[in-house]
């Protein structure tokens, strides 16, 4: 979901400020709420968001360097503002630009959840000091994610923090089949990819028997030496040294052939996915 959100947000920010950003998704962190709050830059734009239709709130944090860079770009600058004035609250004009960014982020985040669960973030209020934006107790477990946004040499991060208790009612949905996390657009892309892969040629090799030799025996082999083998009726069919089928060796319509009797257990699931 977050990787899809990052891709959507990149396009949304380009349309918003006509600057092509680079967005990096950091791994999800599960920890105590106090640890998350302790890692925030001060001052930051901390927004309390309602998580609908679930019960509870989340935090959407825009780091000051990111806010200052985006606002500078929107008003014709280069985005090279290095920091926000320490302790100064955002002006009314700056706050309006921030709200536009929040609307964009919420819209793209809602799209990222489509096909999984109708979850969305709804703006409630903004704070600059962490102590005024408590959405959980200090020891409560939260799920947080960081999205680093690079605007050339500068930029900053967007952080999202959701208490685990808020997401717990949809825990089974999130742990369900990966197919539930695939959007309609991605399903179409996967279907096209599957159709293109099916005509691809692979070499299927029937291995009738094998012989075990020591390194010493192998080094001592000379022209004319005989390696004794016991070739039975069974054969293993491999693709790139990976066993795929087992069967019996024989003839069919005057040609050498192998009748497939079994699919290797390790590849059953792979073959079913390929068919799907």
C-alpha atoms as a PDB file:
ATOM      1  CA  UNK A   1       0.000   0.000   0.000  1.00  0.00           C
ATOM      2  CA  UNK A   2       2.753   2.435   0.935  1.00  0.00           C
ATOM      3  CA  UNK A   3       4.757   1.727  -2.200  1.00  0.00           C
ATOM      4  CA  UNK A   4       1.652   2.421  -4.277  1.00  0.00           C
ATOM      5  CA  UNK A   5       1.070   5.580  -2.240  1.00  0.00           C
ATOM      6  CA  UNK A   6       4.624   6.790  -2.937  1.00  0.00           C
ATOM      7  CA  UNK A   7       4.162   6.306  -6.691  1.00  0.00           C
ATOM      8  CA  UNK A   8       0.830   8.145  -6.649  1.00  0.00           C
ATOM      9  CA  UNK A   9       2.208  10.949  -4.477  1.00  0.00           C
ATOM     10  CA  UNK A  10       5.127  11.508  -6.836  1.00  0.00           C
ATOM     11  CA  UNK A  11       2.739  12.174  -9.708  1.00  0.00           C
ATOM     12  CA  UNK A  12       0.450  14.257  -7.500  1.00  0.00           C
ATOM     13  CA  UNK A  13       3.304  16.493  -6.320  1.00  0.00           C
ATOM     14  CA  UNK A  14       4.490  16.967  -9.887  1.00  0.00           C
ATOM     15  CA  UNK A  15       1.039  18.221 -10.893  1.00  0.00           C
ATOM     16  CA  UNK A  16       0.880  20.338  -7.723  1.00  0.00           C
ATOM     17  CA  UNK A  17       4.153  22.267  -8.033  1.00  0.00           C
ATOM     18  CA  UNK A  18       5.523  21.330 -11.468  1.00  0.00           C
ATOM     19  CA  UNK A  19       8.672  19.915  -9.919  1.00  0.00           C
ATOM     20  CA  UNK A  20       9.632  16.261 -10.311  1.00  0.00           C
ATOM     21  CA  UNK A  21      10.289  14.867  -6.812  1.00  0.00           C
ATOM     22  CA  UNK A  22      11.987  11.622  -5.855  1.00  0.00           C
ATOM     23  CA  UNK A  23      10.164   9.715  -3.121  1.00  0.00           C
ATOM     24  CA  UNK A  24      11.735   6.914  -1.089  1.00  0.00           C
ATOM     25  CA  UNK A  25       9.622   4.631   1.105  1.00  0.00           C
ATOM     26  CA  UNK A  26      11.310   3.564   4.331  1.00  0.00           C
ATOM     27  CA  UNK A  27      10.435   0.248   6.060  1.00  0.00           C
ATOM     28  CA  UNK A  28       7.447   0.288   8.392  1.00  0.00           C
ATOM     29  CA  UNK A  29       8.390   0.635  12.068  1.00  0.00           C
ATOM     30  CA  UNK A  30       6.325  -0.873  14.881  1.00  0.00           C
ATOM     31  CA  UNK A  31       7.163   0.554  18.301  1.00  0.00           C
ATOM     32  CA  UNK A  32       6.036   2.657  21.213  1.00  0.00           C
ATOM     33  CA  UNK A  33       4.339   5.991  20.651  1.00  0.00           C
ATOM     34  CA  UNK A  34       6.913   7.736  22.861  1.00  0.00           C
ATOM     35  CA  UNK A  35       9.733   6.544  20.599  1.00  0.00           C
ATOM     36  CA  UNK A  36       8.012   7.935  17.527  1.00  0.00           C
ATOM     37  CA  UNK A  37       7.367  11.315  19.136  1.00  0.00           C
ATOM     38  CA  UNK A  38      10.916  11.492  20.434  1.00  0.00           C
ATOM     39  CA  UNK A  39      12.282  11.245  16.911  1.00  0.00           C
ATOM     40  CA  UNK A  40      10.318  14.197  15.499  1.00  0.00           C
ATOM     41  CA  UNK A  41      12.043  17.397  14.454  1.00  0.00           C
ATOM     42  CA  UNK A  42      10.871  20.493  16.316  1.00  0.00           C
ATOM     43  CA  UNK A  43       9.118  22.506  15.100  1.00  0.00           C
ATOM     44  CA  UNK A  44       7.254  20.309  12.600  1.00  0.00           C
ATOM     45  CA  UNK A  45       3.852  20.536  11.026  1.00  0.00           C
ATOM     46  CA  UNK A  46       1.979  17.876  13.036  1.00  0.00           C
ATOM     47  CA  UNK A  47      -1.525  17.132  11.824  1.00  0.00           C
ATOM     48  CA  UNK A  48      -4.085  15.070  13.709  1.00  0.00           C
ATOM     49  CA  UNK A  49      -6.069  13.005  11.210  1.00  0.00           C
ATOM     50  CA  UNK A  50      -9.228  10.976  11.678  1.00  0.00           C
ATOM     51  CA  UNK A  51      -8.912   7.445  10.319  1.00  0.00           C
ATOM     52  CA  UNK A  52     -12.248   6.699   8.684  1.00  0.00           C
ATOM     53  CA  UNK A  53     -14.229   4.487   8.843  1.00  0.00           C
ATOM     54  CA  UNK A  54     -12.132   3.097  11.715  1.00  0.00           C
ATOM     55  CA  UNK A  55     -12.243   4.504  15.230  1.00  0.00           C
ATOM     56  CA  UNK A  56      -9.248   6.575  16.220  1.00  0.00           C
ATOM     57  CA  UNK A  57      -6.782   9.162  14.989  1.00  0.00           C
ATOM     58  CA  UNK A  58      -3.436   9.188  13.229  1.00  0.00           C
ATOM     59  CA  UNK A  59      -0.602  11.689  12.885  1.00  0.00           C
ATOM     60  CA  UNK A  60       0.547  13.093   9.561  1.00  0.00           C
ATOM     61  CA  UNK A  61       3.816  14.955  10.075  1.00  0.00           C
ATOM     62  CA  UNK A  62       5.504  17.230   7.538  1.00  0.00           C
ATOM     63  CA  UNK A  63       9.071  18.068   8.477  1.00  0.00           C
ATOM     64  CA  UNK A  64       9.893  21.811   8.525  1.00  0.00           C
ATOM     65  CA  UNK A  65      12.528  21.580   5.790  1.00  0.00           C
ATOM     66  CA  UNK A  66      10.029  19.966   3.430  1.00  0.00           C
ATOM     67  CA  UNK A  67       7.355  22.573   4.210  1.00  0.00           C
ATOM     68  CA  UNK A  68       9.765  25.465   3.675  1.00  0.00           C
ATOM     69  CA  UNK A  69      11.101  24.028   0.391  1.00  0.00           C
ATOM     70  CA  UNK A  70       7.648  23.367  -1.074  1.00  0.00           C
ATOM     71  CA  UNK A  71       6.340  26.816  -0.098  1.00  0.00           C
ATOM     72  CA  UNK A  72       9.435  28.480  -1.568  1.00  0.00           C
ATOM     73  CA  UNK A  73       8.948  26.577  -4.844  1.00  0.00           C
ATOM     74  CA  UNK A  74       5.241  27.439  -4.978  1.00  0.00           C
ATOM     75  CA  UNK A  75       6.067  31.157  -4.711  1.00  0.00           C
ATOM     76  CA  UNK A  76       8.653  31.083  -7.478  1.00  0.00           C
ATOM     77  CA  UNK A  77      11.790  30.220  -5.522  1.00  0.00           C
ATOM     78  CA  UNK A  78      14.309  27.438  -6.036  1.00  0.00           C
ATOM     79  CA  UNK A  79      13.351  25.521  -2.898  1.00  0.00           C
ATOM     80  CA  UNK A  80      16.760  26.097  -1.310  1.00  0.00           C
ATOM     81  CA  UNK A  81      15.377  27.270   2.039  1.00  0.00           C
ATOM     82  CA  UNK A  82      17.364  25.237   4.541  1.00  0.00           C
ATOM     83  CA  UNK A  83      15.167  25.531   7.659  1.00  0.00           C
ATOM     84  CA  UNK A  84      12.025  27.026   9.127  1.00  0.00           C
ATOM     85  CA  UNK A  85      12.437  29.862  11.606  1.00  0.00           C
ATOM     86  CA  UNK A  86      12.871  28.308  15.048  1.00  0.00           C
ATOM     87  CA  UNK A  87       9.766  28.616  17.200  1.00  0.00           C
ATOM     88  CA  UNK A  88       7.807  30.667  14.654  1.00  0.00           C
ATOM     89  CA  UNK A  89       4.324  29.528  13.796  1.00  0.00           C
ATOM     90  CA  UNK A  90       3.340  29.224  10.165  1.00  0.00           C
ATOM     91  CA  UNK A  91       1.680  32.270   8.671  1.00  0.00           C
ATOM     92  CA  UNK A  92      -1.865  32.151   7.301  1.00  0.00           C
ATOM     93  CA  UNK A  93      -0.548  31.928   3.744  1.00  0.00           C
ATOM     94  CA  UNK A  94       1.859  29.155   4.654  1.00  0.00           C
ATOM     95  CA  UNK A  95      -0.903  27.288   6.474  1.00  0.00           C
ATOM     96  CA  UNK A  96      -3.139  27.436   3.392  1.00  0.00           C
ATOM     97  CA  UNK A  97      -0.357  25.923   1.278  1.00  0.00           C
ATOM     98  CA  UNK A  98       0.176  23.225   3.886  1.00  0.00           C
ATOM     99  CA  UNK A  99      -3.530  22.363   3.860  1.00  0.00           C
ATOM    100  CA  UNK A 100      -3.381  21.980   0.085  1.00  0.00           C
ATOM    101  CA  UNK A 101      -0.485  19.557   0.502  1.00  0.00           C
ATOM    102  CA  UNK A 102      -2.423  17.639   3.147  1.00  0.00           C
ATOM    103  CA  UNK A 103      -5.441  17.385   0.843  1.00  0.00           C
ATOM    104  CA  UNK A 104      -3.178  15.989  -1.883  1.00  0.00           C
ATOM    105  CA  UNK A 105      -1.572  13.486   0.485  1.00  0.00           C
ATOM    106  CA  UNK A 106      -4.954  12.314   1.805  1.00  0.00           C
ATOM    107  CA  UNK A 107      -6.350  11.883  -1.709  1.00  0.00           C
ATOM    108  CA  UNK A 108      -3.379   9.787  -2.853  1.00  0.00           C
ATOM    109  CA  UNK A 109      -3.385   7.766   0.376  1.00  0.00           C
ATOM    110  CA  UNK A 110      -7.063   6.916  -0.112  1.00  0.00           C
ATOM    111  CA  UNK A 111      -6.324   5.734  -3.666  1.00  0.00           C
ATOM    112  CA  UNK A 112      -3.498   3.518  -2.395  1.00  0.00           C
ATOM    113  CA  UNK A 113      -5.950   1.664  -0.146  1.00  0.00           C
ATOM    114  CA  UNK A 114      -8.485   1.033  -2.921  1.00  0.00           C
ATOM    115  CA  UNK A 115      -9.019  -2.678  -3.444  1.00  0.00           C
ATOM    116  CA  UNK A 116      -7.890  -3.449   0.125  1.00  0.00           C
ATOM    117  CA  UNK A 117     -10.119  -1.415   2.443  1.00  0.00           C
ATOM    118  CA  UNK A 118     -11.965   1.929   2.083  1.00  0.00           C
ATOM    119  CA  UNK A 119      -9.621   3.718   4.493  1.00  0.00           C
ATOM    120  CA  UNK A 120      -9.019   7.457   4.335  1.00  0.00           C
ATOM    121  CA  UNK A 121      -7.435  10.203   6.411  1.00  0.00           C
ATOM    122  CA  UNK A 122      -9.541  13.258   7.277  1.00  0.00           C
ATOM    123  CA  UNK A 123      -7.877  16.431   8.568  1.00  0.00           C
ATOM    124  CA  UNK A 124      -8.808  17.423  12.137  1.00  0.00           C
ATOM    125  CA  UNK A 125      -6.285  20.001  13.381  1.00  0.00           C
ATOM    126  CA  UNK A 126      -2.621  21.057  13.228  1.00  0.00           C
ATOM    127  CA  UNK A 127      -0.030  21.460  15.964  1.00  0.00           C
ATOM    128  CA  UNK A 128       3.629  22.468  16.056  1.00  0.00           C
ATOM    129  CA  UNK A 129       4.560  20.974  19.419  1.00  0.00           C
ATOM    130  CA  UNK A 130       4.377  17.185  19.900  1.00  0.00           C
ATOM    131  CA  UNK A 131       2.907  17.391  23.411  1.00  0.00           C
ATOM    132  CA  UNK A 132      -0.263  18.964  22.014  1.00  0.00           C
ATOM    133  CA  UNK A 133      -0.895  16.206  19.467  1.00  0.00           C
ATOM    134  CA  UNK A 134      -1.322  13.120  21.605  1.00  0.00           C
ATOM    135  CA  UNK A 135      -3.289  10.368  19.896  1.00  0.00           C
ATOM    136  CA  UNK A 136      -2.078   7.533  22.157  1.00  0.00           C
ATOM    137  CA  UNK A 137      -0.405   6.860  25.482  1.00  0.00           C
ATOM    138  CA  UNK A 138       3.382   6.882  25.592  1.00  0.00           C
ATOM    139  CA  UNK A 139       3.590   3.079  25.906  1.00  0.00           C
ATOM    140  CA  UNK A 140       0.991   2.284  23.239  1.00  0.00           C
ATOM    141  CA  UNK A 141       2.189   0.430  20.136  1.00  0.00           C
ATOM    142  CA  UNK A 142       1.979   2.393  16.877  1.00  0.00           C
ATOM    143  CA  UNK A 143       2.715   1.654  13.226  1.00  0.00           C
ATOM    144  CA  UNK A 144       4.769   4.388  11.579  1.00  0.00           C
ATOM    145  CA  UNK A 145       6.172   4.975   8.115  1.00  0.00           C
ATOM    146  CA  UNK A 146       8.526   7.572   6.651  1.00  0.00           C
ATOM    147  CA  UNK A 147       8.416   8.860   3.075  1.00  0.00           C
ATOM    148  CA  UNK A 148      11.505  10.835   2.096  1.00  0.00           C
ATOM    149  CA  UNK A 149      10.790  13.453  -0.567  1.00  0.00           C
ATOM    150  CA  UNK A 150      13.777  14.835  -2.445  1.00  0.00           C
ATOM    151  CA  UNK A 151      13.375  18.073  -4.390  1.00  0.00           C
ATOM    152  CA  UNK A 152      16.740  18.178  -6.064  1.00  0.00           C
ATOM    153  CA  UNK A 153      19.385  18.578  -3.371  1.00  0.00           C
ATOM    154  CA  UNK A 154      16.863  19.510  -0.673  1.00  0.00           C
ATOM    155  CA  UNK A 155      13.610  18.179   0.686  1.00  0.00           C
ATOM    156  CA  UNK A 156      12.347  16.453   3.774  1.00  0.00           C
ATOM    157  CA  UNK A 157      10.096  13.703   5.006  1.00  0.00           C
ATOM    158  CA  UNK A 158       6.423  12.949   5.470  1.00  0.00           C
ATOM    159  CA  UNK A 159       5.736  10.706   8.449  1.00  0.00           C
ATOM    160  CA  UNK A 160       2.581   8.745   9.151  1.00  0.00           C
ATOM    161  CA  UNK A 161       1.782   7.260  12.561  1.00  0.00           C
ATOM    162  CA  UNK A 162      -1.271   5.072  13.232  1.00  0.00           C
ATOM    163  CA  UNK A 163      -1.929   3.346  16.590  1.00  0.00           C
ATOM    164  CA  UNK A 164      -2.040  -0.418  16.312  1.00  0.00           C
ATOM    165  CA  UNK A 165      -5.423  -0.480  18.062  1.00  0.00           C
ATOM    166  CA  UNK A 166      -6.877   1.537  15.164  1.00  0.00           C
ATOM    167  CA  UNK A 167      -5.705  -0.983  12.562  1.00  0.00           C
ATOM    168  CA  UNK A 168      -6.459  -4.087  14.632  1.00  0.00           C
ATOM    169  CA  UNK A 169     -10.073  -4.488  13.356  1.00  0.00           C
ATOM    170  CA  UNK A 170      -8.754  -4.909   9.780  1.00  0.00           C
ATOM    171  CA  UNK A 171      -5.732  -7.009  10.739  1.00  0.00           C
ATOM    172  CA  UNK A 172      -7.079 -10.106   8.987  1.00  0.00           C
ATOM    173  CA  UNK A 173      -7.795  -8.088   5.854  1.00  0.00           C
ATOM    174  CA  UNK A 174      -4.192  -6.877   5.746  1.00  0.00           C
ATOM    175  CA  UNK A 175      -2.879 -10.417   6.230  1.00  0.00           C
ATOM    176  CA  UNK A 176      -5.170 -11.921   3.596  1.00  0.00           C
ATOM    177  CA  UNK A 177      -4.138 -13.068   0.137  1.00  0.00           C
ATOM    178  CA  UNK A 178      -1.803 -10.792  -1.791  1.00  0.00           C
ATOM    179  CA  UNK A 179      -4.417 -10.678  -4.541  1.00  0.00           C
ATOM    180  CA  UNK A 180      -6.497  -8.434  -2.270  1.00  0.00           C
ATOM    181  CA  UNK A 181      -3.725  -5.819  -2.405  1.00  0.00           C
ATOM    182  CA  UNK A 182      -3.691  -5.624  -6.193  1.00  0.00           C
ATOM    183  CA  UNK A 183      -5.588  -2.748  -7.732  1.00  0.00           C
ATOM    184  CA  UNK A 184      -7.693  -3.089 -10.866  1.00  0.00           C
ATOM    185  CA  UNK A 185      -4.986  -1.357 -12.905  1.00  0.00           C
ATOM    186  CA  UNK A 186      -2.322  -3.743 -11.584  1.00  0.00           C
ATOM    187  CA  UNK A 187      -4.515  -6.778 -12.272  1.00  0.00           C
ATOM    188  CA  UNK A 188      -4.782  -5.677 -15.897  1.00  0.00           C
ATOM    189  CA  UNK A 189      -1.021  -5.242 -16.075  1.00  0.00           C
ATOM    190  CA  UNK A 190      -0.427  -8.678 -14.537  1.00  0.00           C
ATOM    191  CA  UNK A 191      -2.881 -10.244 -16.980  1.00  0.00           C
ATOM    192  CA  UNK A 192      -1.069  -8.684 -19.928  1.00  0.00           C
ATOM    193  CA  UNK A 193       2.286  -9.819 -18.526  1.00  0.00           C
ATOM    194  CA  UNK A 194       0.945 -13.369 -18.128  1.00  0.00           C
ATOM    195  CA  UNK A 195      -0.267 -13.455 -21.732  1.00  0.00           C
ATOM    196  CA  UNK A 196       3.110 -12.247 -22.993  1.00  0.00           C
ATOM    197  CA  UNK A 197       5.051 -14.789 -20.907  1.00  0.00           C
ATOM    198  CA  UNK A 198       3.020 -17.856 -21.950  1.00  0.00           C
ATOM    199  CA  UNK A 199       4.486 -18.060 -25.513  1.00  0.00           C
ATOM    200  CA  UNK A 200       8.056 -17.861 -24.154  1.00  0.00           C
ATOM    201  CA  UNK A 201      10.126 -20.949 -25.057  1.00  0.00           C
ATOM    202  CA  UNK A 202      11.868 -22.958 -22.323  1.00  0.00           C
ATOM    203  CA  UNK A 203      13.958 -26.105 -22.622  1.00  0.00           C
ATOM    204  CA  UNK A 204      12.506 -29.151 -20.861  1.00  0.00           C
ATOM    205  CA  UNK A 205      15.145 -31.827 -20.191  1.00  0.00           C
ATOM    206  CA  UNK A 206      14.283 -35.419 -19.304  1.00  0.00           C
ATOM    207  CA  UNK A 207      16.906 -36.829 -16.938  1.00  0.00           C
ATOM    208  CA  UNK A 208      16.836 -40.624 -17.141  1.00  0.00           C
ATOM    209  CA  UNK A 209      19.485 -41.440 -14.546  1.00  0.00           C
ATOM    210  CA  UNK A 210      22.466 -40.047 -12.640  1.00  0.00           C
ATOM    211  CA  UNK A 211      25.782 -41.438 -11.443  1.00  0.00           C
ATOM    212  CA  UNK A 212      27.697 -40.450  -8.302  1.00  0.00           C
ATOM    213  CA  UNK A 213      31.475 -40.086  -8.501  1.00  0.00           C
ATOM    214  CA  UNK A 214      34.086 -38.845  -6.098  1.00  0.00           C
ATOM    215  CA  UNK A 215      36.386 -36.030  -7.127  1.00  0.00           C
ATOM    216  CA  UNK A 216      39.250 -38.527  -7.266  1.00  0.00           C
ATOM    217  CA  UNK A 217      37.321 -40.876  -9.556  1.00  0.00           C
ATOM    218  CA  UNK A 218      36.345 -37.981 -11.802  1.00  0.00           C
ATOM    219  CA  UNK A 219      39.986 -36.830 -12.125  1.00  0.00           C
ATOM    220  CA  UNK A 220      41.137 -40.358 -12.958  1.00  0.00           C
ATOM    221  CA  UNK A 221      38.686 -40.830 -15.853  1.00  0.00           C
ATOM    222  CA  UNK A 222      40.346 -41.444 -19.204  1.00  0.00           C
ATOM    223  CA  UNK A 223      39.090 -41.972 -22.721  1.00  0.00           C
ATOM    224  CA  UNK A 224      37.468 -45.388 -22.994  1.00  0.00           C
ATOM    225  CA  UNK A 225      36.522 -45.684 -19.315  1.00  0.00           C
ATOM    226  CA  UNK A 226      32.990 -46.891 -18.594  1.00  0.00           C
ATOM    227  CA  UNK A 227      30.639 -45.382 -16.012  1.00  0.00           C
ATOM    228  CA  UNK A 228      28.067 -47.939 -14.915  1.00  0.00           C
ATOM    229  CA  UNK A 229      24.507 -46.617 -14.706  1.00  0.00           C
ATOM    230  CA  UNK A 230      21.169 -48.145 -13.890  1.00  0.00           C
ATOM    231  CA  UNK A 231      18.573 -46.568 -16.210  1.00  0.00           C
ATOM    232  CA  UNK A 232      15.090 -47.451 -15.055  1.00  0.00           C
ATOM    233  CA  UNK A 233      11.731 -46.495 -16.555  1.00  0.00           C
ATOM    234  CA  UNK A 234      11.386 -43.359 -14.399  1.00  0.00           C
ATOM    235  CA  UNK A 235      12.536 -39.932 -15.565  1.00  0.00           C
ATOM    236  CA  UNK A 236      12.704 -36.470 -14.015  1.00  0.00           C
ATOM    237  CA  UNK A 237      11.848 -33.499 -16.213  1.00  0.00           C
ATOM    238  CA  UNK A 238      13.772 -30.324 -15.423  1.00  0.00           C
ATOM    239  CA  UNK A 239      13.791 -26.713 -16.579  1.00  0.00           C
ATOM    240  CA  UNK A 240      17.106 -25.021 -15.890  1.00  0.00           C
ATOM    241  CA  UNK A 241      18.124 -27.751 -13.398  1.00  0.00           C
ATOM    242  CA  UNK A 242      14.872 -27.251 -11.473  1.00  0.00           C
ATOM    243  CA  UNK A 243      12.787 -30.477 -11.185  1.00  0.00           C
ATOM    244  CA  UNK A 244       9.251 -29.810 -12.449  1.00  0.00           C
ATOM    245  CA  UNK A 245       7.674 -33.160 -13.376  1.00  0.00           C
ATOM    246  CA  UNK A 246       8.226 -36.878 -12.848  1.00  0.00           C
ATOM    247  CA  UNK A 247       7.157 -39.565 -15.296  1.00  0.00           C
ATOM    248  CA  UNK A 248       7.919 -42.788 -17.141  1.00  0.00           C
ATOM    249  CA  UNK A 249      10.191 -43.042 -20.135  1.00  0.00           C
ATOM    250  CA  UNK A 250       8.992 -44.859 -23.272  1.00  0.00           C
ATOM    251  CA  UNK A 251       7.756 -44.394 -26.821  1.00  0.00           C
ATOM    252  CA  UNK A 252       4.680 -42.721 -28.305  1.00  0.00           C
ATOM    253  CA  UNK A 253       3.772 -42.699 -31.998  1.00  0.00           C
ATOM    254  CA  UNK A 254       7.240 -43.908 -32.850  1.00  0.00           C
ATOM    255  CA  UNK A 255       9.003 -41.178 -30.853  1.00  0.00           C
ATOM    256  CA  UNK A 256      10.855 -41.186 -27.563  1.00  0.00           C
ATOM    257  CA  UNK A 257       8.533 -39.760 -24.912  1.00  0.00           C
ATOM    258  CA  UNK A 258       7.969 -39.241 -21.195  1.00  0.00           C
ATOM    259  CA  UNK A 259       4.533 -39.612 -19.675  1.00  0.00           C
ATOM    260  CA  UNK A 260       3.999 -37.041 -16.918  1.00  0.00           C
ATOM    261  CA  UNK A 261       2.789 -38.840 -13.794  1.00  0.00           C
ATOM    262  CA  UNK A 262       3.366 -36.235 -11.087  1.00  0.00           C
ATOM    263  CA  UNK A 263       4.098 -32.554 -10.521  1.00  0.00           C
ATOM    264  CA  UNK A 264       6.842 -31.850  -8.003  1.00  0.00           C
ATOM    265  CA  UNK A 265       5.382 -30.556  -4.744  1.00  0.00           C
ATOM    266  CA  UNK A 266       7.694 -27.532  -4.669  1.00  0.00           C
ATOM    267  CA  UNK A 267       6.331 -26.366  -8.031  1.00  0.00           C
ATOM    268  CA  UNK A 268       2.624 -27.128  -7.631  1.00  0.00           C
ATOM    269  CA  UNK A 269       1.848 -23.720  -6.151  1.00  0.00           C
ATOM    270  CA  UNK A 270       4.006 -21.972  -8.774  1.00  0.00           C
ATOM    271  CA  UNK A 271       2.181 -23.723 -11.617  1.00  0.00           C
ATOM    272  CA  UNK A 272      -1.218 -22.865 -10.106  1.00  0.00           C
ATOM    273  CA  UNK A 273      -0.222 -19.190  -9.837  1.00  0.00           C
ATOM    274  CA  UNK A 274       0.985 -19.234 -13.436  1.00  0.00           C
ATOM    275  CA  UNK A 275      -2.356 -20.615 -14.569  1.00  0.00           C
ATOM    276  CA  UNK A 276      -4.223 -17.982 -12.534  1.00  0.00           C
END
